Amino acid sequence: MYNGRIYQGHGEPHSRIDHLPAPPPWRAMTRGEPLGETLDRPTSRARVYQSDRNTVEAVNAALLLRRPLLVTGRPGTGKSTLAHHVALELGLGRVLTWPVTSRVTLKDGLYTYDAIGRLREAGRLASVAPQAYGEFSSGSEERSDIGTYLRLGPLGTALLPSERPRVLLIDELDKSDIDLPNDLLHVFEEGQFEIPELVRLAREPTVHVLTHDPGGFAEIVRGQVQCTEFPFVVVTSNRERDFPPAFLRRCIQLELPEPDVEKLTRIVEAHLGREATDRAQPLIETFLRSRAEGGMLSTDQLLNAIYLSLGDGTGTDRDELVHLLLRPLGPGT
């Protein structure tokens, strides 16, 4: 680690950035590899994820019953990482991730259709060769390459026929519009959906469309998508709202508690090694004490504080650093 501060704050140009040390293991970026391979590789967090008995039982119940797993808990308890951990252990490939916001609808998760782009392309063809385009368009919509303007979303891609289930992470569903959980019910129950824009193409039953996988394509027949293996779906929630009973009934529910001292020690050791864990015990105790006093803290904050405070020459007073990195995220319960 560089002996001193990288950024000095005086505004005079210097080359200390050339001495920037390696990032923490959980923040390392992959370089020089194709995008698809990079996205397929599980994160370092997935490799060192610490599962417990309740989590193992809930995951197996969801797998056996072909039901979504609704994972609740405070930020930093490992809800999202669980999906990557399951994909890594079971060899299920790249996790399809659908981050939810208040503006997201069910259709966004299933597919997107660039109707404006298609109209623009039609106008361009008409202006370049109007006679040829007249012949093209008169043959009806079936003859246009509509698949170019369709792309399956993460949920739609997860429902494609496959020999093994895909892993789908629906992240922070509690941020969604109030209707989205209910809108998901039919898809979760039936494992299928249709694309109206393709259903209408009676004379072109098979269309190739883009998927949510990098460079991926899929054949859609008569606008119908039906899974052959129900995906392993992890739905996360920070407990910011309640979900309707009909939605909860279709899910296996798992509550992830905040890690205790034993689990925190295992997490730190998995990321930073035994020696760092031994040296970090006072910080772990400080973290637990602050959390017990009512502040909401995440495991990420503890890892960041340990990583920097145990480094040589960070140029920052240790107590000041701990105070900076272990600020509560919000009031505790």
C-alpha atoms as a PDB file:
ATOM      1  CA  MET A   1       0.000   0.000   0.000  1.00  0.00           C
ATOM      2  CA  TYR A   2       1.216   3.494  -0.814  1.00  0.00           C
ATOM      3  CA  ASN A   3       2.821   5.181   2.208  1.00  0.00           C
ATOM      4  CA  GLY A   4       0.773   8.342   2.512  1.00  0.00           C
ATOM      5  CA  ARG A   5      -2.265  10.040   1.020  1.00  0.00           C
ATOM      6  CA  ILE A   6      -2.868   9.780  -2.734  1.00  0.00           C
ATOM      7  CA  TYR A   7      -4.958  12.943  -2.867  1.00  0.00           C
ATOM      8  CA  GLN A   8      -3.200  15.765  -1.009  1.00  0.00           C
ATOM      9  CA  GLY A   9      -5.821  18.480  -1.292  1.00  0.00           C
ATOM     10  CA  HIS A  10      -3.435  21.302  -2.277  1.00  0.00           C
ATOM     11  CA  GLY A  11      -4.401  21.391  -5.970  1.00  0.00           C
ATOM     12  CA  GLU A  12      -0.839  21.088  -7.283  1.00  0.00           C
ATOM     13  CA  PRO A  13      -0.560  18.362  -9.984  1.00  0.00           C
ATOM     14  CA  HIS A  14       1.483  15.298  -9.009  1.00  0.00           C
ATOM     15  CA  SER A  15       1.861  11.616  -9.973  1.00  0.00           C
ATOM     16  CA  ARG A  16       0.842   9.871  -6.763  1.00  0.00           C
ATOM     17  CA  ILE A  17      -2.054   8.224  -8.599  1.00  0.00           C
ATOM     18  CA  ASP A  18       0.583   6.010 -10.237  1.00  0.00           C
ATOM     19  CA  HIS A  19       1.169   4.495  -6.796  1.00  0.00           C
ATOM     20  CA  LEU A  20      -2.501   3.696  -6.154  1.00  0.00           C
ATOM     21  CA  PRO A  21      -2.493   0.287  -4.439  1.00  0.00           C
ATOM     22  CA  ALA A  22      -4.543  -2.728  -5.490  1.00  0.00           C
ATOM     23  CA  PRO A  23      -8.258  -2.457  -4.645  1.00  0.00           C
ATOM     24  CA  PRO A  24      -9.960  -4.486  -1.938  1.00  0.00           C
ATOM     25  CA  PRO A  25     -10.820  -8.010  -3.167  1.00  0.00           C
ATOM     26  CA  TRP A  26     -14.526  -7.147  -3.356  1.00  0.00           C
ATOM     27  CA  ARG A  27     -13.857  -4.067  -5.548  1.00  0.00           C
ATOM     28  CA  ALA A  28     -11.453  -5.545  -8.109  1.00  0.00           C
ATOM     29  CA  MET A  29     -12.508  -4.896 -11.704  1.00  0.00           C
ATOM     30  CA  THR A  30     -11.866  -7.480 -14.430  1.00  0.00           C
ATOM     31  CA  ARG A  31      -9.860  -6.163 -17.359  1.00  0.00           C
ATOM     32  CA  GLY A  32      -8.890  -7.417 -20.788  1.00  0.00           C
ATOM     33  CA  GLU A  33     -11.605 -10.075 -21.115  1.00  0.00           C
ATOM     34  CA  PRO A  34     -14.683 -10.270 -23.354  1.00  0.00           C
ATOM     35  CA  LEU A  35     -17.777  -8.698 -21.831  1.00  0.00           C
ATOM     36  CA  GLY A  36     -19.733 -11.958 -21.761  1.00  0.00           C
ATOM     37  CA  GLU A  37     -16.987 -13.786 -19.855  1.00  0.00           C
ATOM     38  CA  THR A  38     -16.653 -10.928 -17.392  1.00  0.00           C
ATOM     39  CA  LEU A  39     -20.364 -10.910 -16.631  1.00  0.00           C
ATOM     40  CA  ASP A  40     -20.493 -14.687 -16.305  1.00  0.00           C
ATOM     41  CA  ARG A  41     -17.857 -14.742 -13.569  1.00  0.00           C
ATOM     42  CA  PRO A  42     -19.328 -14.689 -10.048  1.00  0.00           C
ATOM     43  CA  THR A  43     -18.122 -11.850  -7.869  1.00  0.00           C
ATOM     44  CA  SER A  44     -15.594 -12.373  -5.115  1.00  0.00           C
ATOM     45  CA  ARG A  45     -18.399 -11.814  -2.634  1.00  0.00           C
ATOM     46  CA  ALA A  46     -20.216 -14.858  -3.982  1.00  0.00           C
ATOM     47  CA  ARG A  47     -17.124 -17.005  -3.476  1.00  0.00           C
ATOM     48  CA  VAL A  48     -16.805 -16.069   0.184  1.00  0.00           C
ATOM     49  CA  TYR A  49     -20.514 -15.807   1.031  1.00  0.00           C
ATOM     50  CA  GLN A  50     -21.287 -17.283   4.449  1.00  0.00           C
ATOM     51  CA  SER A  51     -24.539 -19.251   4.367  1.00  0.00           C
ATOM     52  CA  ASP A  52     -26.351 -20.526   7.446  1.00  0.00           C
ATOM     53  CA  ARG A  53     -28.732 -23.411   8.080  1.00  0.00           C
ATOM     54  CA  ASN A  54     -31.931 -21.397   7.596  1.00  0.00           C
ATOM     55  CA  THR A  55     -30.663 -20.019   4.299  1.00  0.00           C
ATOM     56  CA  VAL A  56     -29.726 -23.479   3.021  1.00  0.00           C
ATOM     57  CA  GLU A  57     -33.159 -24.847   3.914  1.00  0.00           C
ATOM     58  CA  ALA A  58     -35.001 -21.929   2.300  1.00  0.00           C
ATOM     59  CA  VAL A  59     -32.980 -22.146  -0.925  1.00  0.00           C
ATOM     60  CA  ASN A  60     -33.634 -25.871  -1.208  1.00  0.00           C
ATOM     61  CA  ALA A  61     -37.340 -25.373  -0.567  1.00  0.00           C
ATOM     62  CA  ALA A  62     -37.493 -22.770  -3.355  1.00  0.00           C
ATOM     63  CA  LEU A  63     -35.599 -25.061  -5.734  1.00  0.00           C
ATOM     64  CA  LEU A  64     -37.748 -28.108  -5.002  1.00  0.00           C
ATOM     65  CA  LEU A  65     -41.090 -26.278  -5.063  1.00  0.00           C
ATOM     66  CA  ARG A  66     -40.189 -24.060  -8.051  1.00  0.00           C
ATOM     67  CA  ARG A  67     -41.160 -20.993  -6.072  1.00  0.00           C
ATOM     68  CA  PRO A  68     -39.491 -17.559  -5.817  1.00  0.00           C
ATOM     69  CA  LEU A  69     -37.380 -16.941  -2.716  1.00  0.00           C
ATOM     70  CA  LEU A  70     -38.302 -13.654  -1.028  1.00  0.00           C
ATOM     71  CA  VAL A  71     -35.273 -12.514   0.978  1.00  0.00           C
ATOM     72  CA  THR A  72     -35.721  -9.664   3.444  1.00  0.00           C
ATOM     73  CA  GLY A  73     -33.280  -7.949   5.727  1.00  0.00           C
ATOM     74  CA  ARG A  74     -31.344  -4.769   6.301  1.00  0.00           C
ATOM     75  CA  PRO A  75     -28.897  -3.446   3.699  1.00  0.00           C
ATOM     76  CA  GLY A  76     -25.594  -5.311   3.749  1.00  0.00           C
ATOM     77  CA  THR A  77     -26.895  -8.632   5.060  1.00  0.00           C
ATOM     78  CA  GLY A  78     -26.101 -10.442   1.785  1.00  0.00           C
ATOM     79  CA  LYS A  79     -29.524 -10.645   0.151  1.00  0.00           C
ATOM     80  CA  SER A  80     -28.343  -9.994  -3.406  1.00  0.00           C
ATOM     81  CA  THR A  81     -25.128 -11.968  -3.007  1.00  0.00           C
ATOM     82  CA  LEU A  82     -27.141 -15.077  -2.168  1.00  0.00           C
ATOM     83  CA  ALA A  83     -28.344 -15.339  -5.787  1.00  0.00           C
ATOM     84  CA  HIS A  84     -24.752 -15.267  -7.058  1.00  0.00           C
ATOM     85  CA  HIS A  85     -23.679 -17.805  -4.439  1.00  0.00           C
ATOM     86  CA  VAL A  86     -26.366 -20.279  -5.519  1.00  0.00           C
ATOM     87  CA  ALA A  87     -25.462 -19.765  -9.195  1.00  0.00           C
ATOM     88  CA  LEU A  88     -21.783 -20.360  -8.395  1.00  0.00           C
ATOM     89  CA  GLU A  89     -22.325 -23.528  -6.333  1.00  0.00           C
ATOM     90  CA  LEU A  90     -24.836 -25.097  -8.722  1.00  0.00           C
ATOM     91  CA  GLY A  91     -23.057 -24.055 -11.921  1.00  0.00           C
ATOM     92  CA  LEU A  92     -26.068 -22.133 -13.257  1.00  0.00           C
ATOM     93  CA  GLY A  93     -24.085 -19.470 -15.091  1.00  0.00           C
ATOM     94  CA  ARG A  94     -24.581 -15.743 -15.197  1.00  0.00           C
ATOM     95  CA  VAL A  95     -27.174 -14.254 -12.855  1.00  0.00           C
ATOM     96  CA  LEU A  96     -29.890 -12.273 -14.629  1.00  0.00           C
ATOM     97  CA  THR A  97     -30.384  -9.102 -12.591  1.00  0.00           C
ATOM     98  CA  TRP A  98     -33.466  -6.882 -12.621  1.00  0.00           C
ATOM     99  CA  PRO A  99     -32.969  -3.782 -10.432  1.00  0.00           C
ATOM    100  CA  VAL A 100     -36.380  -2.419  -9.492  1.00  0.00           C
ATOM    101  CA  THR A 101     -37.354   1.258  -9.257  1.00  0.00           C
ATOM    102  CA  SER A 102     -40.665   3.043  -8.793  1.00  0.00           C
ATOM    103  CA  ARG A 103     -40.984   3.449 -12.583  1.00  0.00           C
ATOM    104  CA  VAL A 104     -40.467  -0.210 -13.492  1.00  0.00           C
ATOM    105  CA  THR A 105     -43.375  -2.229 -14.904  1.00  0.00           C
ATOM    106  CA  LEU A 106     -43.844  -5.929 -15.547  1.00  0.00           C
ATOM    107  CA  LYS A 107     -43.294  -5.398 -19.267  1.00  0.00           C
ATOM    108  CA  ASP A 108     -39.850  -3.886 -18.563  1.00  0.00           C
ATOM    109  CA  GLY A 109     -38.818  -7.165 -16.985  1.00  0.00           C
ATOM    110  CA  LEU A 110     -40.302  -9.266 -19.780  1.00  0.00           C
ATOM    111  CA  TYR A 111     -39.222  -7.407 -22.923  1.00  0.00           C
ATOM    112  CA  THR A 112     -38.726  -4.029 -24.574  1.00  0.00           C
ATOM    113  CA  TYR A 113     -39.872  -3.040 -28.052  1.00  0.00           C
ATOM    114  CA  ASP A 114     -38.289  -0.101 -29.863  1.00  0.00           C
ATOM    115  CA  ALA A 115     -41.300   0.924 -31.936  1.00  0.00           C
ATOM    116  CA  ILE A 116     -39.872   4.392 -32.610  1.00  0.00           C
ATOM    117  CA  GLY A 117     -36.617   2.942 -33.922  1.00  0.00           C
ATOM    118  CA  ARG A 118     -38.562   0.646 -36.199  1.00  0.00           C
ATOM    119  CA  LEU A 119     -40.635   3.517 -37.588  1.00  0.00           C
ATOM    120  CA  ARG A 120     -37.501   5.555 -38.206  1.00  0.00           C
ATOM    121  CA  GLU A 121     -35.934   2.676 -40.105  1.00  0.00           C
ATOM    122  CA  ALA A 122     -39.088   2.252 -42.172  1.00  0.00           C
ATOM    123  CA  GLY A 123     -39.001   5.960 -43.006  1.00  0.00           C
ATOM    124  CA  ARG A 124     -35.348   5.732 -44.006  1.00  0.00           C
ATOM    125  CA  LEU A 125     -36.063   2.836 -46.364  1.00  0.00           C
ATOM    126  CA  ALA A 126     -39.001   4.698 -47.887  1.00  0.00           C
ATOM    127  CA  SER A 127     -36.878   7.776 -48.559  1.00  0.00           C
ATOM    128  CA  VAL A 128     -34.023   5.769 -50.093  1.00  0.00           C
ATOM    129  CA  ALA A 129     -36.108   3.518 -52.366  1.00  0.00           C
ATOM    130  CA  PRO A 130     -39.803   4.384 -52.205  1.00  0.00           C
ATOM    131  CA  GLN A 131     -40.859   1.922 -54.917  1.00  0.00           C
ATOM    132  CA  ALA A 132     -38.963  -0.941 -53.341  1.00  0.00           C
ATOM    133  CA  TYR A 133     -40.275   0.027 -49.922  1.00  0.00           C
ATOM    134  CA  GLY A 134     -43.826   0.066 -51.254  1.00  0.00           C
ATOM    135  CA  GLU A 135     -43.390  -3.507 -52.346  1.00  0.00           C
ATOM    136  CA  PHE A 136     -41.763  -4.319 -49.014  1.00  0.00           C
ATOM    137  CA  SER A 137     -44.474  -2.785 -46.887  1.00  0.00           C
ATOM    138  CA  SER A 138     -47.370  -4.068 -48.935  1.00  0.00           C
ATOM    139  CA  GLY A 139     -46.424  -7.607 -47.991  1.00  0.00           C
ATOM    140  CA  SER A 140     -47.575  -6.674 -44.469  1.00  0.00           C
ATOM    141  CA  GLU A 141     -45.750  -6.399 -41.179  1.00  0.00           C
ATOM    142  CA  GLU A 142     -44.587 -10.041 -41.271  1.00  0.00           C
ATOM    143  CA  ARG A 143     -41.845  -9.235 -43.792  1.00  0.00           C
ATOM    144  CA  SER A 144     -40.134  -6.607 -41.627  1.00  0.00           C
ATOM    145  CA  ASP A 145     -37.335  -7.601 -39.273  1.00  0.00           C
ATOM    146  CA  ILE A 146     -39.226  -6.896 -36.069  1.00  0.00           C
ATOM    147  CA  GLY A 147     -36.876  -9.088 -34.025  1.00  0.00           C
ATOM    148  CA  THR A 148     -34.174  -6.447 -34.425  1.00  0.00           C
ATOM    149  CA  TYR A 149     -36.246  -4.087 -32.307  1.00  0.00           C
ATOM    150  CA  LEU A 150     -37.227  -6.535 -29.580  1.00  0.00           C
ATOM    151  CA  ARG A 151     -35.115  -7.511 -26.591  1.00  0.00           C
ATOM    152  CA  LEU A 152     -36.100  -9.792 -23.762  1.00  0.00           C
ATOM    153  CA  GLY A 153     -35.615  -8.381 -20.287  1.00  0.00           C
ATOM    154  CA  PRO A 154     -34.078 -10.294 -17.365  1.00  0.00           C
ATOM    155  CA  LEU A 155     -37.393 -11.894 -16.392  1.00  0.00           C
ATOM    156  CA  GLY A 156     -38.252 -12.733 -20.005  1.00  0.00           C
ATOM    157  CA  THR A 157     -34.813 -14.270 -20.569  1.00  0.00           C
ATOM    158  CA  ALA A 158     -35.112 -16.342 -17.385  1.00  0.00           C
ATOM    159  CA  LEU A 159     -38.346 -17.854 -18.734  1.00  0.00           C
ATOM    160  CA  LEU A 160     -36.846 -19.080 -22.008  1.00  0.00           C
ATOM    161  CA  PRO A 161     -36.779 -22.875 -22.462  1.00  0.00           C
ATOM    162  CA  SER A 162     -33.567 -24.322 -21.016  1.00  0.00           C
ATOM    163  CA  GLU A 163     -32.161 -27.599 -19.750  1.00  0.00           C
ATOM    164  CA  ARG A 164     -31.230 -26.079 -16.396  1.00  0.00           C
ATOM    165  CA  PRO A 165     -32.912 -23.264 -14.455  1.00  0.00           C
ATOM    166  CA  ARG A 166     -31.541 -19.756 -14.801  1.00  0.00           C
ATOM    167  CA  VAL A 167     -30.929 -17.619 -11.731  1.00  0.00           C
ATOM    168  CA  LEU A 168     -32.912 -14.373 -11.657  1.00  0.00           C
ATOM    169  CA  LEU A 169     -32.338 -11.631  -9.082  1.00  0.00           C
ATOM    170  CA  ILE A 170     -35.231  -9.168  -8.695  1.00  0.00           C
ATOM    171  CA  ASP A 171     -33.490  -6.593  -6.543  1.00  0.00           C
ATOM    172  CA  GLU A 172     -35.318  -4.355  -4.049  1.00  0.00           C
ATOM    173  CA  LEU A 173     -38.900  -5.086  -5.046  1.00  0.00           C
ATOM    174  CA  ASP A 174     -40.114  -2.902  -2.182  1.00  0.00           C
ATOM    175  CA  LYS A 175     -39.128   0.145  -4.269  1.00  0.00           C
ATOM    176  CA  SER A 176     -41.593  -0.791  -7.007  1.00  0.00           C
ATOM    177  CA  ASP A 177     -44.940   0.663  -7.930  1.00  0.00           C
ATOM    178  CA  ILE A 178     -47.685  -0.771  -5.725  1.00  0.00           C
ATOM    179  CA  ASP A 179     -49.056  -2.935  -8.569  1.00  0.00           C
ATOM    180  CA  LEU A 180     -45.886  -4.773  -9.605  1.00  0.00           C
ATOM    181  CA  PRO A 181     -45.971  -7.587  -6.995  1.00  0.00           C
ATOM    182  CA  ASN A 182     -49.529  -8.483  -8.056  1.00  0.00           C
ATOM    183  CA  ASP A 183     -48.594  -8.191 -11.732  1.00  0.00           C
ATOM    184  CA  LEU A 184     -45.896 -10.811 -11.184  1.00  0.00           C
ATOM    185  CA  LEU A 185     -48.341 -13.398  -9.830  1.00  0.00           C
ATOM    186  CA  HIS A 186     -49.461 -14.883 -13.152  1.00  0.00           C
ATOM    187  CA  VAL A 187     -45.917 -15.080 -14.502  1.00  0.00           C
ATOM    188  CA  PHE A 188     -44.696 -16.791 -11.331  1.00  0.00           C
ATOM    189  CA  GLU A 189     -47.620 -19.190 -11.369  1.00  0.00           C
ATOM    190  CA  GLU A 190     -47.577 -20.151 -15.055  1.00  0.00           C
ATOM    191  CA  GLY A 191     -43.941 -19.591 -16.031  1.00  0.00           C
ATOM    192  CA  GLN A 192     -44.965 -18.099 -19.343  1.00  0.00           C
ATOM    193  CA  PHE A 193     -45.931 -14.884 -21.140  1.00  0.00           C
ATOM    194  CA  GLU A 194     -46.659 -13.664 -24.643  1.00  0.00           C
ATOM    195  CA  ILE A 195     -45.341 -10.830 -26.796  1.00  0.00           C
ATOM    196  CA  PRO A 196     -48.345  -9.217 -28.540  1.00  0.00           C
ATOM    197  CA  GLU A 197     -46.176  -7.644 -31.244  1.00  0.00           C
ATOM    198  CA  LEU A 198     -45.148 -11.159 -32.327  1.00  0.00           C
ATOM    199  CA  VAL A 199     -48.500 -12.870 -31.786  1.00  0.00           C
ATOM    200  CA  ARG A 200     -49.873 -10.753 -34.630  1.00  0.00           C
ATOM    201  CA  LEU A 201     -47.302 -12.076 -37.125  1.00  0.00           C
ATOM    202  CA  ALA A 202     -49.400 -14.964 -38.415  1.00  0.00           C
ATOM    203  CA  ARG A 203     -47.301 -15.512 -41.553  1.00  0.00           C
ATOM    204  CA  GLU A 204     -43.942 -15.424 -39.735  1.00  0.00           C
ATOM    205  CA  PRO A 205     -44.367 -17.711 -36.704  1.00  0.00           C
ATOM    206  CA  THR A 206     -40.667 -17.823 -35.683  1.00  0.00           C
ATOM    207  CA  VAL A 207     -38.743 -14.636 -34.884  1.00  0.00           C
ATOM    208  CA  HIS A 208     -35.198 -14.227 -33.546  1.00  0.00           C
ATOM    209  CA  VAL A 209     -34.923 -11.636 -30.765  1.00  0.00           C
ATOM    210  CA  LEU A 210     -32.158 -10.344 -28.528  1.00  0.00           C
ATOM    211  CA  THR A 211     -31.999 -11.589 -24.947  1.00  0.00           C
ATOM    212  CA  HIS A 212     -30.672 -10.027 -21.755  1.00  0.00           C
ATOM    213  CA  ASP A 213     -27.473 -12.058 -22.087  1.00  0.00           C
ATOM    214  CA  PRO A 214     -24.606 -10.246 -23.859  1.00  0.00           C
ATOM    215  CA  GLY A 215     -24.805 -11.191 -27.545  1.00  0.00           C
ATOM    216  CA  GLY A 216     -27.645 -13.622 -26.852  1.00  0.00           C
ATOM    217  CA  PHE A 217     -30.464 -14.491 -29.259  1.00  0.00           C
ATOM    218  CA  ALA A 218     -33.559 -16.636 -28.875  1.00  0.00           C
ATOM    219  CA  GLU A 219     -36.211 -18.057 -31.184  1.00  0.00           C
ATOM    220  CA  ILE A 220     -39.741 -17.001 -30.252  1.00  0.00           C
ATOM    221  CA  VAL A 221     -42.505 -19.085 -31.839  1.00  0.00           C
ATOM    222  CA  ARG A 222     -45.899 -17.418 -32.336  1.00  0.00           C
ATOM    223  CA  GLY A 223     -45.048 -14.830 -29.716  1.00  0.00           C
ATOM    224  CA  GLN A 224     -45.136 -17.337 -26.850  1.00  0.00           C
ATOM    225  CA  VAL A 225     -42.416 -17.801 -24.202  1.00  0.00           C
ATOM    226  CA  GLN A 226     -42.760 -20.814 -21.893  1.00  0.00           C
ATOM    227  CA  CYS A 227     -40.054 -22.022 -19.527  1.00  0.00           C
ATOM    228  CA  THR A 228     -39.178 -25.721 -19.364  1.00  0.00           C
ATOM    229  CA  GLU A 229     -37.356 -25.278 -16.050  1.00  0.00           C
ATOM    230  CA  PHE A 230     -38.712 -22.660 -13.642  1.00  0.00           C
ATOM    231  CA  PRO A 231     -35.880 -20.232 -12.833  1.00  0.00           C
ATOM    232  CA  PHE A 232     -34.436 -19.887  -9.368  1.00  0.00           C
ATOM    233  CA  VAL A 233     -35.791 -16.446  -8.493  1.00  0.00           C
ATOM    234  CA  VAL A 234     -34.407 -14.378  -5.619  1.00  0.00           C
ATOM    235  CA  VAL A 235     -36.564 -11.361  -4.748  1.00  0.00           C
ATOM    236  CA  THR A 236     -34.933  -8.983  -2.273  1.00  0.00           C
ATOM    237  CA  SER A 237     -36.583  -6.463   0.017  1.00  0.00           C
ATOM    238  CA  ASN A 238     -35.243  -4.000   2.579  1.00  0.00           C
ATOM    239  CA  ARG A 239     -38.547  -4.211   4.493  1.00  0.00           C
ATOM    240  CA  GLU A 240     -39.581  -0.731   3.389  1.00  0.00           C
ATOM    241  CA  ARG A 241     -43.154  -1.912   2.647  1.00  0.00           C
ATOM    242  CA  ASP A 242     -45.462  -4.892   3.029  1.00  0.00           C
ATOM    243  CA  PHE A 243     -46.426  -7.146   0.119  1.00  0.00           C
ATOM    244  CA  PRO A 244     -49.948  -8.454  -0.571  1.00  0.00           C
ATOM    245  CA  PRO A 245     -50.819 -11.880   0.878  1.00  0.00           C
ATOM    246  CA  ALA A 246     -51.389 -13.347  -2.607  1.00  0.00           C
ATOM    247  CA  PHE A 247     -47.786 -12.500  -3.495  1.00  0.00           C
ATOM    248  CA  LEU A 248     -46.365 -13.811  -0.222  1.00  0.00           C
ATOM    249  CA  ARG A 249     -48.283 -17.069  -0.640  1.00  0.00           C
ATOM    250  CA  ARG A 250     -46.384 -17.808  -3.836  1.00  0.00           C
ATOM    251  CA  CYS A 251     -42.968 -17.188  -2.297  1.00  0.00           C
ATOM    252  CA  ILE A 252     -40.655 -18.991   0.101  1.00  0.00           C
ATOM    253  CA  GLN A 253     -39.795 -16.356   2.684  1.00  0.00           C
ATOM    254  CA  LEU A 254     -36.359 -15.928   4.233  1.00  0.00           C
ATOM    255  CA  GLU A 255     -35.381 -13.277   6.761  1.00  0.00           C
ATOM    256  CA  LEU A 256     -31.646 -12.612   6.944  1.00  0.00           C
ATOM    257  CA  PRO A 257     -30.675 -11.334  10.402  1.00  0.00           C
ATOM    258  CA  GLU A 258     -27.784  -9.001  10.996  1.00  0.00           C
ATOM    259  CA  PRO A 259     -24.597 -11.055  11.427  1.00  0.00           C
ATOM    260  CA  ASP A 260     -23.427 -11.688  14.984  1.00  0.00           C
ATOM    261  CA  VAL A 261     -19.801 -11.612  16.119  1.00  0.00           C
ATOM    262  CA  GLU A 262     -19.139 -15.186  14.991  1.00  0.00           C
ATOM    263  CA  LYS A 263     -20.483 -14.637  11.495  1.00  0.00           C
ATOM    264  CA  LEU A 264     -18.776 -11.253  11.149  1.00  0.00           C
ATOM    265  CA  THR A 265     -15.477 -12.880  12.058  1.00  0.00           C
ATOM    266  CA  ARG A 266     -15.989 -15.559   9.400  1.00  0.00           C
ATOM    267  CA  ILE A 267     -16.896 -12.925   6.793  1.00  0.00           C
ATOM    268  CA  VAL A 268     -13.832 -10.822   7.529  1.00  0.00           C
ATOM    269  CA  GLU A 269     -11.577 -13.876   7.471  1.00  0.00           C
ATOM    270  CA  ALA A 270     -13.020 -15.046   4.158  1.00  0.00           C
ATOM    271  CA  HIS A 271     -12.302 -11.666   2.572  1.00  0.00           C
ATOM    272  CA  LEU A 272      -9.051 -10.595   4.241  1.00  0.00           C
ATOM    273  CA  GLY A 273      -7.478 -13.662   5.834  1.00  0.00           C
ATOM    274  CA  ARG A 274      -6.903 -14.904   9.355  1.00  0.00           C
ATOM    275  CA  GLU A 275      -4.157 -12.445  10.278  1.00  0.00           C
ATOM    276  CA  ALA A 276      -6.275  -9.441   9.333  1.00  0.00           C
ATOM    277  CA  THR A 277      -9.200 -10.893  11.281  1.00  0.00           C
ATOM    278  CA  ASP A 278      -7.132 -11.230  14.462  1.00  0.00           C
ATOM    279  CA  ARG A 279      -5.943  -7.628  14.154  1.00  0.00           C
ATOM    280  CA  ALA A 280      -9.452  -6.414  13.407  1.00  0.00           C
ATOM    281  CA  GLN A 281     -11.167  -7.726  16.536  1.00  0.00           C
ATOM    282  CA  PRO A 282     -11.295  -4.283  18.207  1.00  0.00           C
ATOM    283  CA  LEU A 283     -12.945  -2.864  15.085  1.00  0.00           C
ATOM    284  CA  ILE A 284     -15.485  -5.696  15.016  1.00  0.00           C
ATOM    285  CA  GLU A 285     -16.309  -4.937  18.647  1.00  0.00           C
ATOM    286  CA  THR A 286     -16.664  -1.224  17.854  1.00  0.00           C
ATOM    287  CA  PHE A 287     -18.967  -2.077  14.958  1.00  0.00           C
ATOM    288  CA  LEU A 288     -21.184  -4.306  17.108  1.00  0.00           C
ATOM    289  CA  ARG A 289     -21.290  -1.732  19.902  1.00  0.00           C
ATOM    290  CA  SER A 290     -22.344   1.037  17.497  1.00  0.00           C
ATOM    291  CA  ARG A 291     -25.015  -1.204  16.007  1.00  0.00           C
ATOM    292  CA  ALA A 292     -26.322  -2.126  19.469  1.00  0.00           C
ATOM    293  CA  GLU A 293     -26.664   1.568  20.311  1.00  0.00           C
ATOM    294  CA  GLY A 294     -29.296   1.917  17.629  1.00  0.00           C
ATOM    295  CA  GLY A 295     -27.500   2.800  14.420  1.00  0.00           C
ATOM    296  CA  MET A 296     -28.105   0.919  11.162  1.00  0.00           C
ATOM    297  CA  LEU A 297     -24.758  -0.376   9.884  1.00  0.00           C
ATOM    298  CA  SER A 298     -23.880  -2.777   7.064  1.00  0.00           C
ATOM    299  CA  THR A 299     -21.158  -5.396   6.831  1.00  0.00           C
ATOM    300  CA  ASP A 300     -19.725  -3.489   3.852  1.00  0.00           C
ATOM    301  CA  GLN A 301     -18.877  -0.606   6.151  1.00  0.00           C
ATOM    302  CA  LEU A 302     -17.003  -2.882   8.536  1.00  0.00           C
ATOM    303  CA  LEU A 303     -14.988  -4.473   5.712  1.00  0.00           C
ATOM    304  CA  ASN A 304     -14.073  -1.042   4.337  1.00  0.00           C
ATOM    305  CA  ALA A 305     -13.002   0.210   7.751  1.00  0.00           C
ATOM    306  CA  ILE A 306     -10.871  -2.868   8.438  1.00  0.00           C
ATOM    307  CA  TYR A 307      -9.241  -2.802   5.001  1.00  0.00           C
ATOM    308  CA  LEU A 308      -8.139   0.829   5.316  1.00  0.00           C
ATOM    309  CA  SER A 309      -7.333   0.927   9.016  1.00  0.00           C
ATOM    310  CA  LEU A 310      -5.053  -2.134   8.812  1.00  0.00           C
ATOM    311  CA  GLY A 311      -3.149  -0.811   5.801  1.00  0.00           C
ATOM    312  CA  ASP A 312       0.224   0.847   6.300  1.00  0.00           C
ATOM    313  CA  GLY A 313       0.337   4.584   5.915  1.00  0.00           C
ATOM    314  CA  THR A 314      -3.188   5.501   4.899  1.00  0.00           C
ATOM    315  CA  GLY A 315      -2.355   8.992   6.089  1.00  0.00           C
ATOM    316  CA  THR A 316      -5.523   9.152   8.186  1.00  0.00           C
ATOM    317  CA  ASP A 317      -5.927   8.953  11.933  1.00  0.00           C
ATOM    318  CA  ARG A 318      -7.422   5.565  12.808  1.00  0.00           C
ATOM    319  CA  ASP A 319     -10.177   6.887  15.081  1.00  0.00           C
ATOM    320  CA  GLU A 320     -11.096   9.522  12.510  1.00  0.00           C
ATOM    321  CA  LEU A 321     -11.185   6.862   9.788  1.00  0.00           C
ATOM    322  CA  VAL A 322     -13.421   4.543  11.802  1.00  0.00           C
ATOM    323  CA  HIS A 323     -15.805   7.411  12.548  1.00  0.00           C
ATOM    324  CA  LEU A 324     -15.894   8.323   8.856  1.00  0.00           C
ATOM    325  CA  LEU A 325     -16.618   4.803   7.586  1.00  0.00           C
ATOM    326  CA  LEU A 326     -18.926   3.577  10.325  1.00  0.00           C
ATOM    327  CA  ARG A 327     -21.523   6.316  10.110  1.00  0.00           C
ATOM    328  CA  PRO A 328     -25.030   4.888  10.668  1.00  0.00           C
ATOM    329  CA  LEU A 329     -27.103   4.470   7.506  1.00  0.00           C
ATOM    330  CA  GLY A 330     -30.282   5.252   9.397  1.00  0.00           C
ATOM    331  CA  PRO A 331     -32.017   4.661  12.714  1.00  0.00           C
ATOM    332  CA  GLY A 332     -32.060   1.118  14.032  1.00  0.00           C
ATOM    333  CA  THR A 333     -35.123  -0.801  15.092  1.00  0.00           C
END
